[in-house]
Amino acid sequence: MKATKIKRALAVMGVVTAAGIVPLVTAAPAHASQARCVNYLGNQGYLIGPRVRAACDYAALSSGVIKLPNPYCVTGLVNIGVRSGDASTACKRA
C-alpha cells in the first residue's frame, strides 16, 4: 500500500516538475530571436518600444535552407515607420 502511494507521489512530482520546466525551455529560443530582431533595429537607430517588440515576436519562417522574414513581423514594423529593408533584415533574425 505504501509503495503505491510513493509511486503516485513521485509521478505527481515528475509531472509538476515537467510542467514548470517545459515552458522555460520552449520560451528561451523565441525570446532570444526577438532580442536579435530588437537589437538589430536598435543598432540601426530606431527607438525600441512595445510595438517593435510585438512585431519581433513573430518568428522567421524557415525553408530548411534559409530563413525568410515573417510577413506579420515586416508589416508590423513597416506600419510603425521602419524602412522596408531594415524590417526585412530584422525579421529574418526573429
N, C-alpha and C. Protein backbone atom coordinates (compact mmCIF):
# COMPACT_ATOMS: atom_id res chain seq x y z
N MET A 1 0.82 -1.18 0.00
CA MET A 1 0.00 0.00 0.00
C MET A 1 0.87 1.26 0.00
N LYS A 2 1.90 1.30 0.85
CA LYS A 2 2.78 2.46 0.92
C LYS A 2 3.56 2.63 -0.38
N ALA A 3 3.98 1.53 -0.98
CA ALA A 3 4.74 1.59 -2.23
C ALA A 3 3.92 2.25 -3.33
N THR A 4 2.64 1.95 -3.39
CA THR A 4 1.76 2.55 -4.39
C THR A 4 1.63 4.05 -4.16
N LYS A 5 1.48 4.46 -2.92
CA LYS A 5 1.37 5.89 -2.61
C LYS A 5 2.66 6.62 -2.96
N ILE A 6 3.79 6.00 -2.69
CA ILE A 6 5.08 6.61 -3.01
C ILE A 6 5.23 6.76 -4.52
N LYS A 7 4.84 5.72 -5.27
CA LYS A 7 4.93 5.78 -6.73
C LYS A 7 4.04 6.90 -7.28
N ARG A 8 2.84 7.02 -6.74
CA ARG A 8 1.94 8.08 -7.18
C ARG A 8 2.50 9.45 -6.86
N ALA A 9 3.05 9.59 -5.67
CA ALA A 9 3.64 10.87 -5.27
C ALA A 9 4.80 11.24 -6.19
N LEU A 10 5.64 10.27 -6.51
CA LEU A 10 6.76 10.53 -7.41
C LEU A 10 6.27 10.88 -8.82
N ALA A 11 5.22 10.21 -9.27
CA ALA A 11 4.67 10.52 -10.58
C ALA A 11 4.12 11.94 -10.62
N VAL A 12 3.41 12.33 -9.57
CA VAL A 12 2.87 13.69 -9.49
C VAL A 12 3.99 14.72 -9.47
N MET A 13 5.03 14.45 -8.70
CA MET A 13 6.17 15.37 -8.64
C MET A 13 6.83 15.48 -10.01
N GLY A 14 6.93 14.39 -10.73
CA GLY A 14 7.52 14.43 -12.07
C GLY A 14 6.71 15.27 -13.03
N VAL A 15 5.40 15.12 -12.98
CA VAL A 15 4.53 15.91 -13.86
C VAL A 15 4.60 17.39 -13.51
N VAL A 16 4.58 17.71 -12.24
CA VAL A 16 4.65 19.11 -11.81
C VAL A 16 5.99 19.72 -12.22
N THR A 17 7.06 18.98 -12.06
CA THR A 17 8.39 19.47 -12.46
C THR A 17 8.44 19.70 -13.97
N ALA A 18 7.93 18.75 -14.73
CA ALA A 18 7.93 18.89 -16.19
C ALA A 18 7.08 20.09 -16.61
N ALA A 19 5.96 20.29 -15.96
CA ALA A 19 5.10 21.43 -16.30
C ALA A 19 5.80 22.76 -16.03
N GLY A 20 6.68 22.79 -15.07
CA GLY A 20 7.41 24.02 -14.77
C GLY A 20 8.60 24.24 -15.66
N ILE A 21 9.23 23.17 -16.11
CA ILE A 21 10.45 23.28 -16.91
C ILE A 21 10.17 23.47 -18.39
N VAL A 22 9.18 22.77 -18.93
CA VAL A 22 8.91 22.81 -20.37
C VAL A 22 8.67 24.23 -20.89
N PRO A 23 7.85 25.05 -20.22
CA PRO A 23 7.66 26.42 -20.74
C PRO A 23 8.96 27.22 -20.75
N LEU A 24 9.81 27.02 -19.79
CA LEU A 24 11.08 27.75 -19.77
C LEU A 24 11.98 27.35 -20.92
N VAL A 25 12.03 26.07 -21.22
CA VAL A 25 12.88 25.58 -22.30
C VAL A 25 12.35 26.03 -23.65
N THR A 26 11.05 25.97 -23.85
CA THR A 26 10.49 26.33 -25.15
C THR A 26 10.44 27.84 -25.35
N ALA A 27 10.37 28.62 -24.29
CA ALA A 27 10.30 30.08 -24.44
C ALA A 27 11.66 30.70 -24.72
N ALA A 28 12.73 30.07 -24.31
CA ALA A 28 14.05 30.66 -24.46
C ALA A 28 14.43 30.96 -25.90
N PRO A 29 14.25 30.05 -26.86
CA PRO A 29 14.64 30.36 -28.23
C PRO A 29 13.83 31.52 -28.82
N ALA A 30 12.54 31.58 -28.55
CA ALA A 30 11.73 32.66 -29.09
C ALA A 30 12.18 33.99 -28.53
N HIS A 31 12.47 34.04 -27.24
CA HIS A 31 12.92 35.28 -26.63
C HIS A 31 14.26 35.70 -27.22
N ALA A 32 15.16 34.77 -27.42
CA ALA A 32 16.47 35.09 -27.97
C ALA A 32 16.32 35.65 -29.38
N SER A 33 15.41 35.09 -30.16
CA SER A 33 15.20 35.56 -31.52
C SER A 33 14.60 36.97 -31.53
N GLN A 34 13.66 37.21 -30.62
CA GLN A 34 13.08 38.55 -30.52
C GLN A 34 14.17 39.55 -30.17
N ALA A 35 15.07 39.17 -29.28
CA ALA A 35 16.15 40.06 -28.87
C ALA A 35 17.06 40.39 -30.06
N ARG A 36 17.33 39.42 -30.90
CA ARG A 36 18.18 39.68 -32.07
C ARG A 36 17.52 40.67 -33.02
N CYS A 37 16.21 40.53 -33.21
CA CYS A 37 15.45 41.45 -34.06
C CYS A 37 15.46 42.86 -33.47
N VAL A 38 15.16 42.95 -32.18
CA VAL A 38 15.11 44.24 -31.49
C VAL A 38 16.50 44.89 -31.47
N ASN A 39 17.52 44.12 -31.17
CA ASN A 39 18.88 44.67 -31.13
C ASN A 39 19.30 45.20 -32.49
N TYR A 40 18.97 44.49 -33.55
CA TYR A 40 19.32 44.96 -34.89
C TYR A 40 18.69 46.34 -35.15
N LEU A 41 17.40 46.45 -34.83
CA LEU A 41 16.72 47.72 -35.07
C LEU A 41 17.28 48.84 -34.19
N GLY A 42 17.63 48.51 -32.95
CA GLY A 42 18.25 49.50 -32.08
C GLY A 42 19.58 49.97 -32.63
N ASN A 43 20.35 49.04 -33.18
CA ASN A 43 21.64 49.40 -33.78
C ASN A 43 21.49 50.24 -35.04
N GLN A 44 20.32 50.15 -35.67
CA GLN A 44 20.05 50.96 -36.87
C GLN A 44 19.52 52.34 -36.51
N GLY A 45 19.32 52.59 -35.22
CA GLY A 45 18.89 53.91 -34.77
C GLY A 45 17.40 54.05 -34.47
N TYR A 46 16.66 52.97 -34.54
CA TYR A 46 15.22 53.04 -34.25
C TYR A 46 14.99 53.01 -32.75
N LEU A 47 13.95 53.72 -32.31
CA LEU A 47 13.54 53.66 -30.92
C LEU A 47 12.81 52.34 -30.69
N ILE A 48 13.13 51.68 -29.61
CA ILE A 48 12.53 50.39 -29.31
C ILE A 48 11.43 50.57 -28.28
N GLY A 49 10.26 50.09 -28.63
CA GLY A 49 9.12 50.18 -27.73
C GLY A 49 8.27 48.92 -27.84
N PRO A 50 7.11 48.93 -27.25
CA PRO A 50 6.27 47.74 -27.23
C PRO A 50 5.81 47.28 -28.62
N ARG A 51 5.60 48.22 -29.54
CA ARG A 51 5.16 47.81 -30.88
C ARG A 51 6.28 47.13 -31.66
N VAL A 52 7.52 47.58 -31.46
CA VAL A 52 8.66 46.90 -32.10
C VAL A 52 8.80 45.50 -31.52
N ARG A 53 8.72 45.38 -30.21
CA ARG A 53 8.84 44.06 -29.57
C ARG A 53 7.72 43.12 -30.02
N ALA A 54 6.51 43.67 -30.15
CA ALA A 54 5.37 42.85 -30.58
C ALA A 54 5.58 42.34 -32.01
N ALA A 55 6.07 43.18 -32.89
CA ALA A 55 6.32 42.76 -34.27
C ALA A 55 7.44 41.72 -34.31
N CYS A 56 8.47 41.92 -33.51
CA CYS A 56 9.60 40.99 -33.49
C CYS A 56 9.25 39.65 -32.84
N ASP A 57 8.08 39.57 -32.21
CA ASP A 57 7.63 38.30 -31.63
C ASP A 57 7.31 37.25 -32.70
N TYR A 58 7.02 37.69 -33.92
CA TYR A 58 6.72 36.75 -35.00
C TYR A 58 8.03 36.16 -35.51
N ALA A 59 8.19 34.88 -35.30
CA ALA A 59 9.44 34.20 -35.67
C ALA A 59 9.61 34.13 -37.19
N ALA A 60 10.87 34.14 -37.61
CA ALA A 60 11.18 33.99 -39.03
C ALA A 60 10.71 32.62 -39.51
N LEU A 61 10.41 32.55 -40.80
CA LEU A 61 9.97 31.29 -41.40
C LEU A 61 11.20 30.58 -41.96
N SER A 62 11.31 29.32 -41.69
CA SER A 62 12.48 28.56 -42.15
C SER A 62 12.07 27.64 -43.29
N SER A 63 12.81 27.74 -44.39
CA SER A 63 12.54 26.84 -45.52
C SER A 63 13.44 25.62 -45.44
N GLY A 64 14.18 25.49 -44.38
CA GLY A 64 15.12 24.39 -44.23
C GLY A 64 16.53 24.81 -44.60
N VAL A 65 16.65 25.68 -45.58
CA VAL A 65 17.95 26.14 -46.04
C VAL A 65 18.20 27.58 -45.62
N ILE A 66 17.18 28.41 -45.80
CA ILE A 66 17.31 29.83 -45.47
C ILE A 66 16.15 30.25 -44.57
N LYS A 67 16.32 31.38 -43.91
CA LYS A 67 15.24 31.96 -43.12
C LYS A 67 14.60 33.08 -43.93
N LEU A 68 13.29 33.11 -43.88
CA LEU A 68 12.54 34.15 -44.56
C LEU A 68 11.85 35.01 -43.51
N PRO A 69 11.75 36.33 -43.75
CA PRO A 69 11.08 37.18 -42.76
C PRO A 69 9.60 36.86 -42.70
N ASN A 70 9.06 36.83 -41.49
CA ASN A 70 7.63 36.60 -41.31
C ASN A 70 6.88 37.85 -41.78
N PRO A 71 5.90 37.68 -42.68
CA PRO A 71 5.18 38.86 -43.20
C PRO A 71 4.50 39.68 -42.11
N TYR A 72 4.02 39.03 -41.03
CA TYR A 72 3.41 39.78 -39.93
C TYR A 72 4.43 40.67 -39.23
N CYS A 73 5.64 40.17 -39.10
CA CYS A 73 6.71 40.96 -38.48
C CYS A 73 7.04 42.17 -39.35
N VAL A 74 7.25 41.92 -40.64
CA VAL A 74 7.61 43.00 -41.57
C VAL A 74 6.51 44.06 -41.61
N THR A 75 5.27 43.62 -41.76
CA THR A 75 4.15 44.56 -41.82
C THR A 75 4.04 45.38 -40.54
N GLY A 76 4.19 44.72 -39.41
CA GLY A 76 4.12 45.43 -38.14
C GLY A 76 5.19 46.51 -38.01
N LEU A 77 6.39 46.18 -38.46
CA LEU A 77 7.48 47.16 -38.37
C LEU A 77 7.32 48.30 -39.38
N VAL A 78 6.95 47.96 -40.60
CA VAL A 78 6.77 48.99 -41.63
C VAL A 78 5.65 49.95 -41.24
N ASN A 79 4.60 49.42 -40.63
CA ASN A 79 3.47 50.26 -40.21
C ASN A 79 3.84 51.27 -39.13
N ILE A 80 4.94 51.03 -38.42
CA ILE A 80 5.34 52.00 -37.39
C ILE A 80 6.54 52.84 -37.84
N GLY A 81 6.86 52.75 -39.13
CA GLY A 81 7.87 53.65 -39.68
C GLY A 81 9.25 53.08 -39.92
N VAL A 82 9.42 51.77 -39.79
CA VAL A 82 10.72 51.14 -40.07
C VAL A 82 10.83 50.96 -41.58
N ARG A 83 11.98 51.31 -42.15
CA ARG A 83 12.20 51.12 -43.57
C ARG A 83 12.06 49.64 -43.93
N SER A 84 11.54 49.37 -45.10
CA SER A 84 11.24 48.01 -45.53
C SER A 84 12.46 47.09 -45.47
N GLY A 85 13.60 47.56 -45.96
CA GLY A 85 14.82 46.76 -45.94
C GLY A 85 15.27 46.43 -44.53
N ASP A 86 15.18 47.41 -43.64
CA ASP A 86 15.55 47.18 -42.24
C ASP A 86 14.58 46.22 -41.58
N ALA A 87 13.29 46.35 -41.90
CA ALA A 87 12.28 45.47 -41.33
C ALA A 87 12.53 44.03 -41.77
N SER A 88 12.82 43.85 -43.05
CA SER A 88 13.05 42.52 -43.59
C SER A 88 14.27 41.87 -42.94
N THR A 89 15.34 42.62 -42.81
CA THR A 89 16.56 42.08 -42.20
C THR A 89 16.33 41.74 -40.72
N ALA A 90 15.64 42.63 -40.01
CA ALA A 90 15.36 42.38 -38.59
C ALA A 90 14.48 41.15 -38.42
N CYS A 91 13.48 41.02 -39.27
CA CYS A 91 12.54 39.89 -39.13
C CYS A 91 13.19 38.56 -39.51
N LYS A 92 14.21 38.57 -40.32
CA LYS A 92 14.96 37.33 -40.59
C LYS A 92 15.69 36.87 -39.35
N ARG A 93 16.00 37.80 -38.46
CA ARG A 93 16.71 37.47 -37.22
C ARG A 93 15.76 37.03 -36.13
N ALA A 94 14.46 37.29 -36.32
CA ALA A 94 13.46 36.92 -35.29
C ALA A 94 13.24 35.42 -35.25
